[in-house]
Amino acid sequence: MKNRVKELRKNQKLTQEKLADLIGISRQAINAIEKEKFDPSLPTAFKMANLFKTTIENIFTFSK
């Protein structure tokens, strides 16, 4: 799944570590999500959307 996590994180001036702390997952998970090697759980996606004040659809895009 394509995503804009890295772009949104950098716009908020957050490190991977800080973002991970804010949403309750590991820094390694954030890294894997940003590299599109791992898709987050739905609760994690909602936490990201709330934190970035946007919709899940604006962060994540399904691609085949």
PDB file of N, CA and C in Angstrom:
ATOM      1  N   MET A   1       0.841  -1.160   0.000  1.00  0.00           N
ATOM      2  CA  MET A   1       0.000   0.000   0.000  1.00  0.00           C
ATOM      3  C   MET A   1       0.898   1.238   0.000  1.00  0.00           C
ATOM      4  N   LYS A   2       0.607   2.164  -0.878  1.00  0.00           N
ATOM      5  CA  LYS A   2       1.332   3.429  -0.931  1.00  0.00           C
ATOM      6  C   LYS A   2       0.908   4.283   0.265  1.00  0.00           C
ATOM      7  N   ASN A   3       1.832   5.129   0.751  1.00  0.00           N
ATOM      8  CA  ASN A   3       1.460   6.002   1.848  1.00  0.00           C
ATOM      9  C   ASN A   3       2.287   7.282   1.845  1.00  0.00           C
ATOM     10  N   ARG A   4       1.788   8.254   2.628  1.00  0.00           N
ATOM     11  CA  ARG A   4       2.426   9.561   2.757  1.00  0.00           C
ATOM     12  C   ARG A   4       2.940   9.789   4.174  1.00  0.00           C
ATOM     13  N   VAL A   5       3.184   8.723   4.913  1.00  0.00           N
ATOM     14  CA  VAL A   5       3.559   8.849   6.321  1.00  0.00           C
ATOM     15  C   VAL A   5       4.834   9.669   6.490  1.00  0.00           C
ATOM     16  N   LYS A   6       5.865   9.364   5.724  1.00  0.00           N
ATOM     17  CA  LYS A   6       7.130  10.083   5.867  1.00  0.00           C
ATOM     18  C   LYS A   6       6.938  11.572   5.585  1.00  0.00           C
ATOM     19  N   GLU A   7       6.236  11.898   4.523  1.00  0.00           N
ATOM     20  CA  GLU A   7       5.981  13.297   4.163  1.00  0.00           C
ATOM     21  C   GLU A   7       5.231  14.020   5.282  1.00  0.00           C
ATOM     22  N   LEU A   8       4.170  13.401   5.789  1.00  0.00           N
ATOM     23  CA  LEU A   8       3.375  14.020   6.842  1.00  0.00           C
ATOM     24  C   LEU A   8       4.164  14.137   8.138  1.00  0.00           C
ATOM     25  N   ARG A   9       4.946  13.126   8.447  1.00  0.00           N
ATOM     26  CA  ARG A   9       5.778  13.141   9.656  1.00  0.00           C
ATOM     27  C   ARG A   9       6.781  14.293   9.593  1.00  0.00           C
ATOM     28  N   LYS A  10       7.452  14.436   8.447  1.00  0.00           N
ATOM     29  CA  LYS A  10       8.453  15.495   8.299  1.00  0.00           C
ATOM     30  C   LYS A  10       7.800  16.879   8.331  1.00  0.00           C
ATOM     31  N   ASN A  11       6.607  17.010   7.760  1.00  0.00           N
ATOM     32  CA  ASN A  11       5.882  18.286   7.808  1.00  0.00           C
ATOM     33  C   ASN A  11       5.582  18.703   9.244  1.00  0.00           C
ATOM     34  N   GLN A  12       5.366  17.710  10.107  1.00  0.00           N
ATOM     35  CA  GLN A  12       5.085  17.971  11.524  1.00  0.00           C
ATOM     36  C   GLN A  12       6.374  18.074  12.348  1.00  0.00           C
ATOM     37  N   LYS A  13       7.520  17.911  11.671  1.00  0.00           N
ATOM     38  CA  LYS A  13       8.839  17.943  12.325  1.00  0.00           C
ATOM     39  C   LYS A  13       8.949  16.885  13.429  1.00  0.00           C
ATOM     40  N   LEU A  14       8.440  15.694  13.105  1.00  0.00           N
ATOM     41  CA  LEU A  14       8.505  14.570  14.040  1.00  0.00           C
ATOM     42  C   LEU A  14       9.580  13.581  13.591  1.00  0.00           C
ATOM     43  N   THR A  15      10.280  13.005  14.544  1.00  0.00           N
ATOM     44  CA  THR A  15      11.185  11.902  14.229  1.00  0.00           C
ATOM     45  C   THR A  15      10.350  10.624  14.169  1.00  0.00           C
ATOM     46  N   GLN A  16      10.936   9.587  13.610  1.00  0.00           N
ATOM     47  CA  GLN A  16      10.245   8.293  13.621  1.00  0.00           C
ATOM     48  C   GLN A  16       9.978   7.867  15.056  1.00  0.00           C
ATOM     49  N   GLU A  17      10.939   8.094  15.937  1.00  0.00           N
ATOM     50  CA  GLU A  17      10.811   7.714  17.349  1.00  0.00           C
ATOM     51  C   GLU A  17       9.645   8.444  18.018  1.00  0.00           C
ATOM     52  N   LYS A  18       9.540   9.752  17.783  1.00  0.00           N
ATOM     53  CA  LYS A  18       8.467  10.545  18.397  1.00  0.00           C
ATOM     54  C   LYS A  18       7.107  10.123  17.865  1.00  0.00           C
ATOM     55  N   LEU A  19       7.000   9.917  16.560  1.00  0.00           N
ATOM     56  CA  LEU A  19       5.744   9.449  15.980  1.00  0.00           C
ATOM     57  C   LEU A  19       5.361   8.103  16.575  1.00  0.00           C
ATOM     58  N   ALA A  20       6.317   7.211  16.673  1.00  0.00           N
ATOM     59  CA  ALA A  20       6.059   5.890  17.252  1.00  0.00           C
ATOM     60  C   ALA A  20       5.539   6.021  18.679  1.00  0.00           C
ATOM     61  N   ASP A  21       6.175   6.878  19.479  1.00  0.00           N
ATOM     62  CA  ASP A  21       5.736   7.090  20.864  1.00  0.00           C
ATOM     63  C   ASP A  21       4.316   7.640  20.918  1.00  0.00           C
ATOM     64  N   LEU A  22       4.011   8.585  20.039  1.00  0.00           N
ATOM     65  CA  LEU A  22       2.690   9.218  20.053  1.00  0.00           C
ATOM     66  C   LEU A  22       1.558   8.256  19.703  1.00  0.00           C
ATOM     67  N   ILE A  23       1.838   7.277  18.837  1.00  0.00           N
ATOM     68  CA  ILE A  23       0.759   6.361  18.439  1.00  0.00           C
ATOM     69  C   ILE A  23       0.893   4.955  19.030  1.00  0.00           C
ATOM     70  N   GLY A  24       1.956   4.745  19.802  1.00  0.00           N
ATOM     71  CA  GLY A  24       2.066   3.493  20.545  1.00  0.00           C
ATOM     72  C   GLY A  24       2.574   2.294  19.768  1.00  0.00           C
ATOM     73  N   ILE A  25       3.476   2.529  18.812  1.00  0.00           N
ATOM     74  CA  ILE A  25       4.109   1.412  18.106  1.00  0.00           C
ATOM     75  C   ILE A  25       5.619   1.636  18.117  1.00  0.00           C
ATOM     76  N   SER A  26       6.369   0.708  17.577  1.00  0.00           N
ATOM     77  CA  SER A  26       7.826   0.827  17.595  1.00  0.00           C
ATOM     78  C   SER A  26       8.337   1.721  16.455  1.00  0.00           C
ATOM     79  N   ARG A  27       9.532   2.266  16.661  1.00  0.00           N
ATOM     80  CA  ARG A  27      10.172   3.050  15.608  1.00  0.00           C
ATOM     81  C   ARG A  27      10.421   2.184  14.383  1.00  0.00           C
ATOM     82  N   GLN A  28      10.745   0.910  14.613  1.00  0.00           N
ATOM     83  CA  GLN A  28      10.987  -0.008  13.502  1.00  0.00           C
ATOM     84  C   GLN A  28       9.720  -0.199  12.666  1.00  0.00           C
ATOM     85  N   ALA A  29       8.567  -0.202  13.321  1.00  0.00           N
ATOM     86  CA  ALA A  29       7.298  -0.326  12.586  1.00  0.00           C
ATOM     87  C   ALA A  29       7.059   0.907  11.725  1.00  0.00           C
ATOM     88  N   ILE A  30       7.348   2.089  12.268  1.00  0.00           N
ATOM     89  CA  ILE A  30       7.209   3.328  11.485  1.00  0.00           C
ATOM     90  C   ILE A  30       8.113   3.263  10.263  1.00  0.00           C
ATOM     91  N   ASN A  31       9.351   2.833  10.464  1.00  0.00           N
ATOM     92  CA  ASN A  31      10.303   2.708   9.360  1.00  0.00           C
ATOM     93  C   ASN A  31       9.763   1.758   8.286  1.00  0.00           C
ATOM     94  N   ALA A  32       9.244   0.623   8.699  1.00  0.00           N
ATOM     95  CA  ALA A  32       8.711  -0.366   7.749  1.00  0.00           C
ATOM     96  C   ALA A  32       7.486   0.183   7.008  1.00  0.00           C
ATOM     97  N   ILE A  33       6.635   0.922   7.714  1.00  0.00           N
ATOM     98  CA  ILE A  33       5.461   1.524   7.071  1.00  0.00           C
ATOM     99  C   ILE A  33       5.910   2.547   6.032  1.00  0.00           C
ATOM    100  N   GLU A  34       6.856   3.417   6.407  1.00  0.00           N
ATOM    101  CA  GLU A  34       7.326   4.432   5.472  1.00  0.00           C
ATOM    102  C   GLU A  34       7.969   3.815   4.238  1.00  0.00           C
ATOM    103  N   LYS A  35       8.630   2.682   4.391  1.00  0.00           N
ATOM    104  CA  LYS A  35       9.269   2.015   3.255  1.00  0.00           C
ATOM    105  C   LYS A  35       8.303   1.096   2.506  1.00  0.00           C
ATOM    106  N   GLU A  36       7.036   1.122   2.933  1.00  0.00           N
ATOM    107  CA  GLU A  36       5.966   0.325   2.306  1.00  0.00           C
ATOM    108  C   GLU A  36       6.258  -1.170   2.343  1.00  0.00           C
ATOM    109  N   LYS A  37       6.916  -1.605   3.414  1.00  0.00           N
ATOM    110  CA  LYS A  37       7.187  -3.023   3.630  1.00  0.00           C
ATOM    111  C   LYS A  37       6.200  -3.627   4.615  1.00  0.00           C
ATOM    112  N   PHE A  38       5.382  -2.776   5.245  1.00  0.00           N
ATOM    113  CA  PHE A  38       4.449  -3.207   6.275  1.00  0.00           C
ATOM    114  C   PHE A  38       3.236  -2.293   6.240  1.00  0.00           C
ATOM    115  N   ASP A  39       2.046  -2.876   6.285  1.00  0.00           N
ATOM    116  CA  ASP A  39       0.810  -2.089   6.351  1.00  0.00           C
ATOM    117  C   ASP A  39       0.342  -2.058   7.803  1.00  0.00           C
ATOM    118  N   PRO A  40       0.020  -0.874   8.312  1.00  0.00           N
ATOM    119  CA  PRO A  40      -0.394  -0.777   9.714  1.00  0.00           C
ATOM    120  C   PRO A  40      -1.774  -1.375   9.941  1.00  0.00           C
ATOM    121  N   SER A  41      -2.048  -1.698  11.197  1.00  0.00           N
ATOM    122  CA  SER A  41      -3.387  -2.155  11.570  1.00  0.00           C
ATOM    123  C   SER A  41      -4.357  -0.988  11.416  1.00  0.00           C
ATOM    124  N   LEU A  42      -5.621  -1.300  11.370  1.00  0.00           N
ATOM    125  CA  LEU A  42      -6.634  -0.246  11.247  1.00  0.00           C
ATOM    126  C   LEU A  42      -6.584   0.716  12.436  1.00  0.00           C
ATOM    127  N   PRO A  43      -6.475   0.232  13.691  1.00  0.00           N
ATOM    128  CA  PRO A  43      -6.363   1.186  14.808  1.00  0.00           C
ATOM    129  C   PRO A  43      -5.150   2.110  14.675  1.00  0.00           C
ATOM    130  N   THR A  44      -4.021   1.586  14.212  1.00  0.00           N
ATOM    131  CA  THR A  44      -2.833   2.415  14.018  1.00  0.00           C
ATOM    132  C   THR A  44      -3.067   3.448  12.922  1.00  0.00           C
ATOM    133  N   ALA A  45      -3.709   3.050  11.839  1.00  0.00           N
ATOM    134  CA  ALA A  45      -4.018   3.988  10.753  1.00  0.00           C
ATOM    135  C   ALA A  45      -4.931   5.103  11.257  1.00  0.00           C
ATOM    136  N   PHE A  46      -5.922   4.763  12.096  1.00  0.00           N
ATOM    137  CA  PHE A  46      -6.801   5.791  12.670  1.00  0.00           C
ATOM    138  C   PHE A  46      -6.015   6.747  13.561  1.00  0.00           C
ATOM    139  N   LYS A  47      -5.092   6.206  14.366  1.00  0.00           N
ATOM    140  CA  LYS A  47      -4.271   7.059  15.236  1.00  0.00           C
ATOM    141  C   LYS A  47      -3.438   8.023  14.407  1.00  0.00           C
ATOM    142  N   MET A  48      -2.872   7.534  13.309  1.00  0.00           N
ATOM    143  CA  MET A  48      -2.087   8.403  12.431  1.00  0.00           C
ATOM    144  C   MET A  48      -2.965   9.489  11.831  1.00  0.00           C
ATOM    145  N   ALA A  49      -4.127   9.112  11.355  1.00  0.00           N
ATOM    146  CA  ALA A  49      -5.035  10.087  10.746  1.00  0.00           C
ATOM    147  C   ALA A  49      -5.428  11.163  11.757  1.00  0.00           C
ATOM    148  N   ASN A  50      -5.722  10.748  12.982  1.00  0.00           N
ATOM    149  CA  ASN A  50      -6.072  11.729  14.014  1.00  0.00           C
ATOM    150  C   ASN A  50      -4.894  12.644  14.322  1.00  0.00           C
ATOM    151  N   LEU A  51      -3.717  12.077  14.447  1.00  0.00           N
ATOM    152  CA  LEU A  51      -2.529  12.857  14.757  1.00  0.00           C
ATOM    153  C   LEU A  51      -2.224  13.875  13.655  1.00  0.00           C
ATOM    154  N   PHE A  52      -2.328  13.435  12.397  1.00  0.00           N
ATOM    155  CA  PHE A  52      -2.036  14.317  11.268  1.00  0.00           C
ATOM    156  C   PHE A  52      -3.235  15.170  10.847  1.00  0.00           C
ATOM    157  N   LYS A  53      -4.364  15.001  11.549  1.00  0.00           N
ATOM    158  CA  LYS A  53      -5.585  15.766  11.263  1.00  0.00           C
ATOM    159  C   LYS A  53      -6.011  15.630   9.800  1.00  0.00           C
ATOM    160  N   THR A  54      -6.095  14.386   9.362  1.00  0.00           N
ATOM    161  CA  THR A  54      -6.514  14.096   7.995  1.00  0.00           C
ATOM    162  C   THR A  54      -7.251  12.767   7.997  1.00  0.00           C
ATOM    163  N   THR A  55      -7.600  12.290   6.824  1.00  0.00           N
ATOM    164  CA  THR A  55      -8.297  11.009   6.711  1.00  0.00           C
ATOM    165  C   THR A  55      -7.299   9.885   6.420  1.00  0.00           C
ATOM    166  N   ILE A  56      -7.721   8.685   6.721  1.00  0.00           N
ATOM    167  CA  ILE A  56      -6.894   7.522   6.394  1.00  0.00           C
ATOM    168  C   ILE A  56      -6.635   7.476   4.894  1.00  0.00           C
ATOM    169  N   GLU A  57      -7.663   7.799   4.113  1.00  0.00           N
ATOM    170  CA  GLU A  57      -7.542   7.762   2.653  1.00  0.00           C
ATOM    171  C   GLU A  57      -6.522   8.777   2.129  1.00  0.00           C
ATOM    172  N   ASN A  58      -6.302   9.840   2.889  1.00  0.00           N
ATOM    173  CA  ASN A  58      -5.316  10.842   2.486  1.00  0.00           C
ATOM    174  C   ASN A  58      -3.882  10.384   2.815  1.00  0.00           C
ATOM    175  N   ILE A  59      -3.762   9.419   3.696  1.00  0.00           N
ATOM    176  CA  ILE A  59      -2.442   8.892   4.070  1.00  0.00           C
ATOM    177  C   ILE A  59      -2.101   7.635   3.284  1.00  0.00           C
ATOM    178  N   PHE A  60      -3.067   6.743   3.160  1.00  0.00           N
ATOM    179  CA  PHE A  60      -2.830   5.441   2.539  1.00  0.00           C
ATOM    180  C   PHE A  60      -3.644   5.270   1.261  1.00  0.00           C
ATOM    181  N   THR A  61      -2.995   4.731   0.233  1.00  0.00           N
ATOM    182  CA  THR A  61      -3.649   4.461  -1.041  1.00  0.00           C
ATOM    183  C   THR A  61      -3.372   3.035  -1.447  1.00  0.00           C
ATOM    184  N   PHE A  62      -4.409   2.301  -1.736  1.00  0.00           N
ATOM    185  CA  PHE A  62      -4.244   0.915  -2.151  1.00  0.00           C
ATOM    186  C   PHE A  62      -3.673   0.872  -3.574  1.00  0.00           C
ATOM    187  N   SER A  63      -2.674   0.041  -3.759  1.00  0.00           N
ATOM    188  CA  SER A  63      -2.112  -0.176  -5.097  1.00  0.00           C
ATOM    189  C   SER A  63      -1.865  -1.662  -5.289  1.00  0.00           C
ATOM    190  N   LYS A  64      -2.071  -2.132  -6.509  1.00  0.00           N
ATOM    191  CA  LYS A  64      -1.896  -3.551  -6.787  1.00  0.00           C
ATOM    192  C   LYS A  64      -0.445  -3.904  -6.972  1.00  0.00           C
TER     193      LYS A  64
END
